[in-house]
Amino acid sequence: MPELDIYQRTDHRWAWRLRAGNGEIIATDGGQGYENEADCRRTATAVVTGLYAPKGLA
């Protein structure tokens, strides 16, 4: 089962990554980082749940 990791980087920005059941990273924030945890969590959840998927793919 995939697991969403929300974490604070060494530069104090927040980031996310999605890990597959085998531990492999299958999606990230692309190195962008977020100034606060809430924005990071909101965007990660939207991406993972398909909110930004093209029509017909979600």
C-alpha atoms as a PDB file:
ATOM      1  CA  MET A   1       0.000   0.000   0.000  1.00  0.00           C
ATOM      2  CA  PRO A   2       1.436   3.440  -0.945  1.00  0.00           C
ATOM      3  CA  GLU A   3       2.535   5.738   1.856  1.00  0.00           C
ATOM      4  CA  LEU A   4       2.641   9.540   1.727  1.00  0.00           C
ATOM      5  CA  ASP A   5       5.608  11.086   3.557  1.00  0.00           C
ATOM      6  CA  ILE A   6       5.467  14.766   4.529  1.00  0.00           C
ATOM      7  CA  TYR A   7       8.804  16.001   5.888  1.00  0.00           C
ATOM      8  CA  GLN A   8      10.845  19.119   6.542  1.00  0.00           C
ATOM      9  CA  ARG A   9      14.020  19.456   4.486  1.00  0.00           C
ATOM     10  CA  THR A  10      17.337  20.766   5.790  1.00  0.00           C
ATOM     11  CA  ASP A  11      16.548  24.176   4.232  1.00  0.00           C
ATOM     12  CA  HIS A  12      13.412  24.273   6.444  1.00  0.00           C
ATOM     13  CA  ARG A  13      11.007  23.974   3.502  1.00  0.00           C
ATOM     14  CA  TRP A  14       8.366  21.223   3.546  1.00  0.00           C
ATOM     15  CA  ALA A  15       8.308  18.441   0.959  1.00  0.00           C
ATOM     16  CA  TRP A  16       6.413  15.260   0.150  1.00  0.00           C
ATOM     17  CA  ARG A  17       7.064  11.918  -1.487  1.00  0.00           C
ATOM     18  CA  LEU A  18       4.882   8.940  -2.225  1.00  0.00           C
ATOM     19  CA  ARG A  19       6.364   5.497  -1.594  1.00  0.00           C
ATOM     20  CA  ALA A  20       5.080   2.242  -3.072  1.00  0.00           C
ATOM     21  CA  GLY A  21       4.510  -0.782  -0.859  1.00  0.00           C
ATOM     22  CA  ASN A  22       8.042  -1.975  -1.652  1.00  0.00           C
ATOM     23  CA  GLY A  23       9.555   1.325  -0.395  1.00  0.00           C
ATOM     24  CA  GLU A  24      10.375   2.746  -3.831  1.00  0.00           C
ATOM     25  CA  ILE A  25       9.639   6.456  -4.317  1.00  0.00           C
ATOM     26  CA  ILE A  26       7.019   6.789  -7.046  1.00  0.00           C
ATOM     27  CA  ALA A  27       6.177  10.537  -6.841  1.00  0.00           C
ATOM     28  CA  THR A  28       7.596  13.694  -5.228  1.00  0.00           C
ATOM     29  CA  ASP A  29       7.027  17.424  -5.096  1.00  0.00           C
ATOM     30  CA  GLY A  30       9.750  17.734  -7.736  1.00  0.00           C
ATOM     31  CA  GLY A  31      12.121  19.545  -5.391  1.00  0.00           C
ATOM     32  CA  GLN A  32       9.863  22.579  -5.174  1.00  0.00           C
ATOM     33  CA  GLY A  33       9.337  22.586  -1.401  1.00  0.00           C
ATOM     34  CA  TYR A  34       6.707  24.578   0.491  1.00  0.00           C
ATOM     35  CA  GLU A  35       7.013  27.274   3.130  1.00  0.00           C
ATOM     36  CA  ASN A  36       4.484  25.649   5.446  1.00  0.00           C
ATOM     37  CA  GLU A  37       3.345  22.129   6.203  1.00  0.00           C
ATOM     38  CA  ALA A  38      -0.338  22.784   5.500  1.00  0.00           C
ATOM     39  CA  ASP A  39       0.304  23.877   1.888  1.00  0.00           C
ATOM     40  CA  CYS A  40       2.600  20.906   1.363  1.00  0.00           C
ATOM     41  CA  ARG A  41       0.057  18.440   2.736  1.00  0.00           C
ATOM     42  CA  ARG A  42      -2.823  20.007   0.755  1.00  0.00           C
ATOM     43  CA  THR A  43      -0.937  19.848  -2.557  1.00  0.00           C
ATOM     44  CA  ALA A  44       0.376  16.329  -1.954  1.00  0.00           C
ATOM     45  CA  THR A  45      -3.113  15.072  -1.155  1.00  0.00           C
ATOM     46  CA  ALA A  46      -4.538  16.743  -4.252  1.00  0.00           C
ATOM     47  CA  VAL A  47      -1.888  15.174  -6.489  1.00  0.00           C
ATOM     48  CA  VAL A  48      -2.136  11.708  -4.946  1.00  0.00           C
ATOM     49  CA  THR A  49      -5.937  11.618  -5.092  1.00  0.00           C
ATOM     50  CA  GLY A  50      -5.984  12.693  -8.746  1.00  0.00           C
ATOM     51  CA  LEU A  51      -7.350  16.225  -8.411  1.00  0.00           C
ATOM     52  CA  TYR A  52      -4.861  17.466 -11.038  1.00  0.00           C
ATOM     53  CA  ALA A  53      -5.230  14.487 -13.395  1.00  0.00           C
ATOM     54  CA  PRO A  54      -6.294  15.275 -16.963  1.00  0.00           C
ATOM     55  CA  LYS A  55      -9.980  14.660 -17.622  1.00  0.00           C
ATOM     56  CA  GLY A  56     -10.676  11.011 -18.295  1.00  0.00           C
ATOM     57  CA  LEU A  57      -7.651   9.722 -16.337  1.00  0.00           C
ATOM     58  CA  ALA A  58      -8.804  10.206 -12.759  1.00  0.00           C
END
